[in-house]
Every structure is written in structure tokens, then in C-alpha cells.
Amino acid sequence: MTGDEISDSKGSDPLTFDDDRRVIGGILLAAGKGERFEGGNKLLASVDDEPLIRHSVQSLLHAGLDETFVVIGHDAEAVRDQLIDLGVSFRYNEDYAEGQSTSVHVGVEVAQDRNWDAAIFALGDMPFVDSETMDALVNAYRSGTGTIIAAAYNGKRGNPVLFDAKHFAALSDVAGDRGGRRLIEEHDESVLIETNDAGVTQDIDSRDNLQQYTE
């Protein structure tokens, strides 16, 4: 399969993972400067009376992954302070100003250091992703659907994306702000999982986005 093929995760029977001991962790990329967002750090903007970044983290935490790390950079202390009570771990990206790929590299380092078998990469500026979507990616991975699994909504690819450890080296080579997009689009073991979750396509780049998605 390729990244343009879509598997429908709805209606499938729940999977049991008793014999699957693969460790799957979560990486939340929250280091960028978000320069298109006017008037402060978008990750600290309020959504339902909580900072946006807390919603993004909680989507990972509620999914029951083995571990969750947040990659921080810009306004690192302020972002960390909003999450410290949630029990997540942090890794600082000193090169955050050079693009999202540098945070991906840091996330890969975490996954390799922790000896994860796979990692879900999620974005800090996407606070509306359901934890059930994370579960759908894990279910698809454990059932052998693919080794790169991206969430989709109405046929449109979004985030988060799960990568098997076999792709960590390739992720370490990505550059700029494209993240792992080339792998998702071109690898034979890449699939899209259709969800009922509009949040997988709703990233907050501007004040207008925030108003649009919270009205």
C-alpha cells in the first residue's frame, strides 16, 4: 500500500494485544516559534479555559501509550510550566529555529534512547485530536496494517502519524519543515487510516484558525 490508500478503521472489532509486547511511545512536537500567530505563543493560547498545548498533550496521555515526551524549544520554560503536572517527560531542541525537522530528529533520539518499537508523532498546535484516533493508529499497527500509519479525515491526510522503528534512521535525515511527509507519501508500507475526527486536520497557525475552530 502507499500513503494515498485509505483503510477504514471504523466498524472493526476491538483488538487484544496480550501477545504483542511492542513498546509504542508518543512524541509531541512543541518547539516551534509559531510566527504566523499574532500576539503571543499559540501553544499558550486558551482553548476551553486551558492552554492549547495541554489539550494536545492530553490526547496522547489518554491513549494509553507506554510513554509520552514533549519536544520543547521556543518559550521552553513557559510551555513546560503548563504541562509539568501531567507527568510527561521533556526533551529540549536547541535547534528549534531551524525548522520542524530538528524537532523530529530530537523525537527520534528519544525513541531510540527509550528503545521504542514505534512512535506516534503529534503536533503541539493540534489540540482537537481525539485520543481514540491515537488508539486507531496503534490498533492498525499492531494488526500489521503498515509501518507508517497516518490519520485521515474525509480522505485528507492529517496528523498524528505512527512510525515503526525501522523508519527512525530515515526520519533522522529529514530537513526543513516537511517532517516525515516524503516517507508518508512515498513508502510502500505507508497507509492512511480514515477516522471520524476532524481534529486531525485542524492545526492552529493563526488567531483566525483558533477562532474558526472554537466557535
C-alpha atoms as a PDB file:
ATOM      1  CA  MET A   1       0.000   0.000   0.000  1.00  0.00           C
ATOM      2  CA  THR A   2       1.025   3.631  -0.374  1.00  0.00           C
ATOM      3  CA  GLY A   3       0.242   6.777   1.554  1.00  0.00           C
ATOM      4  CA  ASP A   4      -2.635   7.501  -0.828  1.00  0.00           C
ATOM      5  CA  GLU A   5      -4.520   4.339   0.112  1.00  0.00           C
ATOM      6  CA  ILE A   6      -7.036   4.562   2.931  1.00  0.00           C
ATOM      7  CA  SER A   7      -8.027   1.903   5.401  1.00  0.00           C
ATOM      8  CA  ASP A   8     -11.324   2.415   7.232  1.00  0.00           C
ATOM      9  CA  SER A   9     -10.814   1.762  10.950  1.00  0.00           C
ATOM     10  CA  LYS A  10     -14.492   2.162  11.832  1.00  0.00           C
ATOM     11  CA  GLY A  11     -16.552  -0.929  12.488  1.00  0.00           C
ATOM     12  CA  SER A  12     -13.615  -3.233  13.161  1.00  0.00           C
ATOM     13  CA  ASP A  13     -13.642  -5.482  16.186  1.00  0.00           C
ATOM     14  CA  PRO A  14     -11.523  -4.374  19.141  1.00  0.00           C
ATOM     15  CA  LEU A  15      -8.078  -5.919  19.086  1.00  0.00           C
ATOM     16  CA  THR A  16      -6.427  -7.631  22.016  1.00  0.00           C
ATOM     17  CA  PHE A  17      -2.726  -7.055  22.445  1.00  0.00           C
ATOM     18  CA  ASP A  18      -1.870  -9.737  25.018  1.00  0.00           C
ATOM     19  CA  ASP A  19       0.774 -11.277  22.783  1.00  0.00           C
ATOM     20  CA  ASP A  20       2.082  -8.012  21.348  1.00  0.00           C
ATOM     21  CA  ARG A  21       4.780  -6.630  23.590  1.00  0.00           C
ATOM     22  CA  ARG A  22       5.934  -3.893  21.235  1.00  0.00           C
ATOM     23  CA  VAL A  23       6.542  -0.614  23.037  1.00  0.00           C
ATOM     24  CA  ILE A  24       4.866   2.422  21.481  1.00  0.00           C
ATOM     25  CA  GLY A  25       5.578   5.927  22.711  1.00  0.00           C
ATOM     26  CA  GLY A  26       4.269   9.362  21.893  1.00  0.00           C
ATOM     27  CA  ILE A  27       6.251  12.391  20.754  1.00  0.00           C
ATOM     28  CA  LEU A  28       4.593  15.807  20.811  1.00  0.00           C
ATOM     29  CA  LEU A  29       6.420  18.424  18.741  1.00  0.00           C
ATOM     30  CA  ALA A  30       6.052  21.714  20.621  1.00  0.00           C
ATOM     31  CA  ALA A  31       9.276  23.597  19.981  1.00  0.00           C
ATOM     32  CA  GLY A  32       8.453  25.925  17.070  1.00  0.00           C
ATOM     33  CA  LYS A  33       8.171  29.704  17.156  1.00  0.00           C
ATOM     34  CA  GLY A  34       4.733  29.848  15.501  1.00  0.00           C
ATOM     35  CA  GLU A  35       5.473  33.205  13.914  1.00  0.00           C
ATOM     36  CA  ARG A  36       2.185  33.388  11.968  1.00  0.00           C
ATOM     37  CA  PHE A  37       0.243  33.546  15.242  1.00  0.00           C
ATOM     38  CA  GLU A  38      -0.130  37.156  16.315  1.00  0.00           C
ATOM     39  CA  GLY A  39       0.037  38.273  19.911  1.00  0.00           C
ATOM     40  CA  GLY A  40       1.964  35.635  21.809  1.00  0.00           C
ATOM     41  CA  ASN A  41       2.789  31.949  21.786  1.00  0.00           C
ATOM     42  CA  LYS A  42      -0.062  29.985  20.214  1.00  0.00           C
ATOM     43  CA  LEU A  43       0.643  26.962  22.399  1.00  0.00           C
ATOM     44  CA  LEU A  44      -0.301  29.048  25.426  1.00  0.00           C
ATOM     45  CA  ALA A  45      -3.491  30.457  23.895  1.00  0.00           C
ATOM     46  CA  SER A  46      -6.692  29.484  25.698  1.00  0.00           C
ATOM     47  CA  VAL A  47      -8.969  26.719  24.442  1.00  0.00           C
ATOM     48  CA  ASP A  48     -11.874  25.881  26.758  1.00  0.00           C
ATOM     49  CA  ASP A  49     -10.130  27.704  29.594  1.00  0.00           C
ATOM     50  CA  GLU A  50      -6.907  25.707  29.281  1.00  0.00           C
ATOM     51  CA  PRO A  51      -3.732  26.384  27.318  1.00  0.00           C
ATOM     52  CA  LEU A  52      -3.905  24.869  23.854  1.00  0.00           C
ATOM     53  CA  ILE A  53      -0.822  22.735  24.491  1.00  0.00           C
ATOM     54  CA  ARG A  54      -2.484  20.909  27.397  1.00  0.00           C
ATOM     55  CA  HIS A  55      -5.220  19.639  25.089  1.00  0.00           C
ATOM     56  CA  SER A  56      -2.622  18.338  22.643  1.00  0.00           C
ATOM     57  CA  VAL A  57      -0.723  16.511  25.375  1.00  0.00           C
ATOM     58  CA  GLN A  58      -3.834  15.018  26.925  1.00  0.00           C
ATOM     59  CA  SER A  59      -4.820  13.438  23.607  1.00  0.00           C
ATOM     60  CA  LEU A  60      -1.618  11.384  23.817  1.00  0.00           C
ATOM     61  CA  LEU A  61      -1.895  10.655  27.519  1.00  0.00           C
ATOM     62  CA  HIS A  62      -5.459   9.383  27.278  1.00  0.00           C
ATOM     63  CA  ALA A  63      -4.450   6.978  24.538  1.00  0.00           C
ATOM     64  CA  GLY A  64      -2.532   4.808  26.980  1.00  0.00           C
ATOM     65  CA  LEU A  65       0.817   4.850  25.214  1.00  0.00           C
ATOM     66  CA  ASP A  66       3.810   3.451  27.046  1.00  0.00           C
ATOM     67  CA  GLU A  67       5.471   6.864  27.418  1.00  0.00           C
ATOM     68  CA  THR A  68       4.922  10.427  26.257  1.00  0.00           C
ATOM     69  CA  PHE A  69       7.649  13.005  25.587  1.00  0.00           C
ATOM     70  CA  VAL A  70       7.235  16.659  24.631  1.00  0.00           C
ATOM     71  CA  VAL A  71       9.908  18.293  22.485  1.00  0.00           C
ATOM     72  CA  ILE A  72      10.229  21.908  23.619  1.00  0.00           C
ATOM     73  CA  GLY A  73      12.269  24.850  22.325  1.00  0.00           C
ATOM     74  CA  HIS A  74      10.737  28.309  21.873  1.00  0.00           C
ATOM     75  CA  ASP A  75       9.386  29.587  25.208  1.00  0.00           C
ATOM     76  CA  ALA A  76      10.520  26.268  26.640  1.00  0.00           C
ATOM     77  CA  GLU A  77      10.090  27.187  30.292  1.00  0.00           C
ATOM     78  CA  ALA A  78       6.613  28.647  29.803  1.00  0.00           C
ATOM     79  CA  VAL A  79       5.430  25.626  27.816  1.00  0.00           C
ATOM     80  CA  ARG A  80       6.945  23.207  30.313  1.00  0.00           C
ATOM     81  CA  ASP A  81       5.276  25.011  33.219  1.00  0.00           C
ATOM     82  CA  GLN A  82       1.859  24.378  31.668  1.00  0.00           C
ATOM     83  CA  LEU A  83       2.477  20.631  31.461  1.00  0.00           C
ATOM     84  CA  ILE A  84       4.634  19.752  34.440  1.00  0.00           C
ATOM     85  CA  ASP A  85       1.715  18.372  36.462  1.00  0.00           C
ATOM     86  CA  LEU A  86       0.667  15.949  33.711  1.00  0.00           C
ATOM     87  CA  GLY A  87       3.524  13.510  34.208  1.00  0.00           C
ATOM     88  CA  VAL A  88       5.052  13.824  30.746  1.00  0.00           C
ATOM     89  CA  SER A  89       8.782  13.952  30.031  1.00  0.00           C
ATOM     90  CA  PHE A  90      10.585  16.681  28.111  1.00  0.00           C
ATOM     91  CA  ARG A  91      13.455  16.937  25.676  1.00  0.00           C
ATOM     92  CA  TYR A  92      14.852  20.316  24.635  1.00  0.00           C
ATOM     93  CA  ASN A  93      15.564  21.090  20.980  1.00  0.00           C
ATOM     94  CA  GLU A  94      18.285  23.703  20.880  1.00  0.00           C
ATOM     95  CA  ASP A  95      17.973  23.988  17.080  1.00  0.00           C
ATOM     96  CA  TYR A  96      14.211  24.650  17.044  1.00  0.00           C
ATOM     97  CA  ALA A  97      14.588  27.850  14.976  1.00  0.00           C
ATOM     98  CA  GLU A  98      15.840  25.774  12.024  1.00  0.00           C
ATOM     99  CA  GLY A  99      12.516  24.062  11.370  1.00  0.00           C
ATOM    100  CA  GLN A 100      10.235  21.234  12.427  1.00  0.00           C
ATOM    101  CA  SER A 101      12.612  18.567  11.168  1.00  0.00           C
ATOM    102  CA  THR A 102      15.012  19.382  14.007  1.00  0.00           C
ATOM    103  CA  SER A 103      12.271  18.512  16.499  1.00  0.00           C
ATOM    104  CA  VAL A 104      11.592  15.301  14.604  1.00  0.00           C
ATOM    105  CA  HIS A 105      15.291  14.453  14.986  1.00  0.00           C
ATOM    106  CA  VAL A 106      15.067  15.029  18.738  1.00  0.00           C
ATOM    107  CA  GLY A 107      11.944  12.869  18.901  1.00  0.00           C
ATOM    108  CA  VAL A 108      13.736  10.071  17.062  1.00  0.00           C
ATOM    109  CA  GLU A 109      16.612  10.319  19.528  1.00  0.00           C
ATOM    110  CA  VAL A 110      14.125   9.907  22.375  1.00  0.00           C
ATOM    111  CA  ALA A 111      12.509   6.882  20.718  1.00  0.00           C
ATOM    112  CA  GLN A 112      15.882   5.260  20.131  1.00  0.00           C
ATOM    113  CA  ASP A 113      17.137   6.050  23.632  1.00  0.00           C
ATOM    114  CA  ARG A 114      13.975   4.519  25.107  1.00  0.00           C
ATOM    115  CA  ASN A 115      14.154   1.535  22.759  1.00  0.00           C
ATOM    116  CA  TRP A 116      10.624   2.030  21.437  1.00  0.00           C
ATOM    117  CA  ASP A 117       9.353  -0.245  18.692  1.00  0.00           C
ATOM    118  CA  ALA A 118       7.252   2.570  17.234  1.00  0.00           C
ATOM    119  CA  ALA A 119       6.443   6.203  17.913  1.00  0.00           C
ATOM    120  CA  ILE A 120       3.417   8.370  17.303  1.00  0.00           C
ATOM    121  CA  PHE A 121       4.463  11.877  16.269  1.00  0.00           C
ATOM    122  CA  ALA A 122       1.844  14.525  17.058  1.00  0.00           C
ATOM    123  CA  LEU A 123       1.859  18.315  16.765  1.00  0.00           C
ATOM    124  CA  GLY A 124       1.545  20.688  19.685  1.00  0.00           C
ATOM    125  CA  ASP A 125      -0.649  23.098  17.718  1.00  0.00           C
ATOM    126  CA  MET A 126      -3.353  20.485  17.024  1.00  0.00           C
ATOM    127  CA  PRO A 127      -5.443  20.453  20.220  1.00  0.00           C
ATOM    128  CA  PHE A 128      -8.606  18.841  18.832  1.00  0.00           C
ATOM    129  CA  VAL A 129      -7.312  15.341  18.042  1.00  0.00           C
ATOM    130  CA  ASP A 130      -9.280  12.614  19.838  1.00  0.00           C
ATOM    131  CA  SER A 131      -7.377  10.071  21.899  1.00  0.00           C
ATOM    132  CA  GLU A 132      -9.420   7.420  20.056  1.00  0.00           C
ATOM    133  CA  THR A 133      -7.551   8.422  16.920  1.00  0.00           C
ATOM    134  CA  MET A 134      -4.264   7.559  18.621  1.00  0.00           C
ATOM    135  CA  ASP A 135      -5.776   4.213  19.575  1.00  0.00           C
ATOM    136  CA  ALA A 136      -6.805   3.610  15.957  1.00  0.00           C
ATOM    137  CA  LEU A 137      -3.221   4.127  14.799  1.00  0.00           C
ATOM    138  CA  VAL A 138      -1.947   1.718  17.451  1.00  0.00           C
ATOM    139  CA  ASN A 139      -4.584  -0.889  16.581  1.00  0.00           C
ATOM    140  CA  ALA A 140      -3.710  -0.663  12.893  1.00  0.00           C
ATOM    141  CA  TYR A 141      -0.008  -1.006  13.621  1.00  0.00           C
ATOM    142  CA  ARG A 142      -0.398  -3.973  15.943  1.00  0.00           C
ATOM    143  CA  SER A 143      -2.612  -5.718  13.397  1.00  0.00           C
ATOM    144  CA  GLY A 144       0.049  -5.369  10.694  1.00  0.00           C
ATOM    145  CA  THR A 145      -1.700  -2.777   8.533  1.00  0.00           C
ATOM    146  CA  GLY A 146       1.503  -0.858   7.850  1.00  0.00           C
ATOM    147  CA  THR A 147       4.690   0.525   9.347  1.00  0.00           C
ATOM    148  CA  ILE A 148       3.852   4.173   8.630  1.00  0.00           C
ATOM    149  CA  ILE A 149       0.265   4.969   9.578  1.00  0.00           C
ATOM    150  CA  ALA A 150      -1.264   8.428   9.244  1.00  0.00           C
ATOM    151  CA  ALA A 151      -4.656   9.634  10.418  1.00  0.00           C
ATOM    152  CA  ALA A 152      -7.058  10.951   7.770  1.00  0.00           C
ATOM    153  CA  TYR A 153     -10.394  12.754   7.773  1.00  0.00           C
ATOM    154  CA  ASN A 154     -12.695  12.663   4.741  1.00  0.00           C
ATOM    155  CA  GLY A 155      -9.815  11.321   2.686  1.00  0.00           C
ATOM    156  CA  LYS A 156      -7.419  14.110   3.658  1.00  0.00           C
ATOM    157  CA  ARG A 157      -4.181  13.134   5.331  1.00  0.00           C
ATOM    158  CA  GLY A 158      -3.533  14.760   8.677  1.00  0.00           C
ATOM    159  CA  ASN A 159      -1.704  14.191  11.938  1.00  0.00           C
ATOM    160  CA  PRO A 160      -0.713  12.312  14.079  1.00  0.00           C
ATOM    161  CA  VAL A 161       1.437   9.713  12.310  1.00  0.00           C
ATOM    162  CA  LEU A 162       2.890   6.473  13.661  1.00  0.00           C
ATOM    163  CA  PHE A 163       6.317   5.294  12.511  1.00  0.00           C
ATOM    164  CA  ASP A 164       7.818   1.880  13.134  1.00  0.00           C
ATOM    165  CA  ALA A 165      11.411   1.882  14.408  1.00  0.00           C
ATOM    166  CA  LYS A 166      12.629   0.694  11.004  1.00  0.00           C
ATOM    167  CA  HIS A 167      11.980   4.256   9.758  1.00  0.00           C
ATOM    168  CA  PHE A 168      13.768   6.123  12.546  1.00  0.00           C
ATOM    169  CA  ALA A 169      17.006   6.411  10.589  1.00  0.00           C
ATOM    170  CA  ALA A 170      15.169   7.910   7.602  1.00  0.00           C
ATOM    171  CA  LEU A 171      13.356  10.356   9.888  1.00  0.00           C
ATOM    172  CA  SER A 172      16.725  11.466  11.198  1.00  0.00           C
ATOM    173  CA  ASP A 173      17.589  12.581   7.665  1.00  0.00           C
ATOM    174  CA  VAL A 174      14.542  14.796   7.002  1.00  0.00           C
ATOM    175  CA  ALA A 175      15.172  18.521   6.636  1.00  0.00           C
ATOM    176  CA  GLY A 176      13.248  21.777   6.813  1.00  0.00           C
ATOM    177  CA  ASP A 177       9.580  21.883   7.800  1.00  0.00           C
ATOM    178  CA  ARG A 178       8.390  18.856   5.837  1.00  0.00           C
ATOM    179  CA  GLY A 179       8.851  16.466   8.734  1.00  0.00           C
ATOM    180  CA  GLY A 180       8.308  12.894   7.557  1.00  0.00           C
ATOM    181  CA  ARG A 181       5.973  13.852   4.706  1.00  0.00           C
ATOM    182  CA  ARG A 182       8.106  12.300   1.981  1.00  0.00           C
ATOM    183  CA  LEU A 183       8.136   8.948   3.771  1.00  0.00           C
ATOM    184  CA  ILE A 184       4.378   9.078   4.267  1.00  0.00           C
ATOM    185  CA  GLU A 185       3.760   9.894   0.612  1.00  0.00           C
ATOM    186  CA  GLU A 186       6.225   7.511  -0.992  1.00  0.00           C
ATOM    187  CA  HIS A 187       6.884   4.464   1.197  1.00  0.00           C
ATOM    188  CA  ASP A 188       5.233   1.173   0.205  1.00  0.00           C
ATOM    189  CA  GLU A 189       4.302   0.405   3.812  1.00  0.00           C
ATOM    190  CA  SER A 190       2.576   3.745   4.374  1.00  0.00           C
ATOM    191  CA  VAL A 191      -1.212   3.787   4.870  1.00  0.00           C
ATOM    192  CA  LEU A 192      -3.890   6.270   5.833  1.00  0.00           C
ATOM    193  CA  ILE A 193      -6.453   5.357   8.464  1.00  0.00           C
ATOM    194  CA  GLU A 194      -9.784   7.052   7.880  1.00  0.00           C
ATOM    195  CA  THR A 195     -11.167   8.469  11.128  1.00  0.00           C
ATOM    196  CA  ASN A 196     -14.241  10.371  12.178  1.00  0.00           C
ATOM    197  CA  ASP A 197     -12.009  13.001  13.730  1.00  0.00           C
ATOM    198  CA  ALA A 198     -11.899  16.442  12.120  1.00  0.00           C
ATOM    199  CA  GLY A 199      -9.196  17.378  14.631  1.00  0.00           C
ATOM    200  CA  VAL A 200      -6.550  15.533  12.628  1.00  0.00           C
ATOM    201  CA  THR A 201      -6.683  18.297  10.008  1.00  0.00           C
ATOM    202  CA  GLN A 202      -7.179  21.294  12.319  1.00  0.00           C
ATOM    203  CA  ASP A 203      -3.863  22.923  13.140  1.00  0.00           C
ATOM    204  CA  ILE A 204      -3.669  26.362  14.708  1.00  0.00           C
ATOM    205  CA  ASP A 205      -1.429  28.668  12.690  1.00  0.00           C
ATOM    206  CA  SER A 206      -3.202  31.958  13.293  1.00  0.00           C
ATOM    207  CA  ARG A 207      -5.715  33.735  15.511  1.00  0.00           C
ATOM    208  CA  ASP A 208      -8.254  33.253  12.739  1.00  0.00           C
ATOM    209  CA  ASN A 209      -7.729  29.474  12.891  1.00  0.00           C
ATOM    210  CA  LEU A 210      -8.265  29.498  16.635  1.00  0.00           C
ATOM    211  CA  GLN A 211     -11.468  31.479  16.301  1.00  0.00           C
ATOM    212  CA  GLN A 212     -12.694  29.279  13.438  1.00  0.00           C
ATOM    213  CA  TYR A 213     -12.247  26.017  15.324  1.00  0.00           C
ATOM    214  CA  THR A 214     -13.530  27.182  18.693  1.00  0.00           C
ATOM    215  CA  GLU A 215     -16.716  28.965  17.627  1.00  0.00           C
END
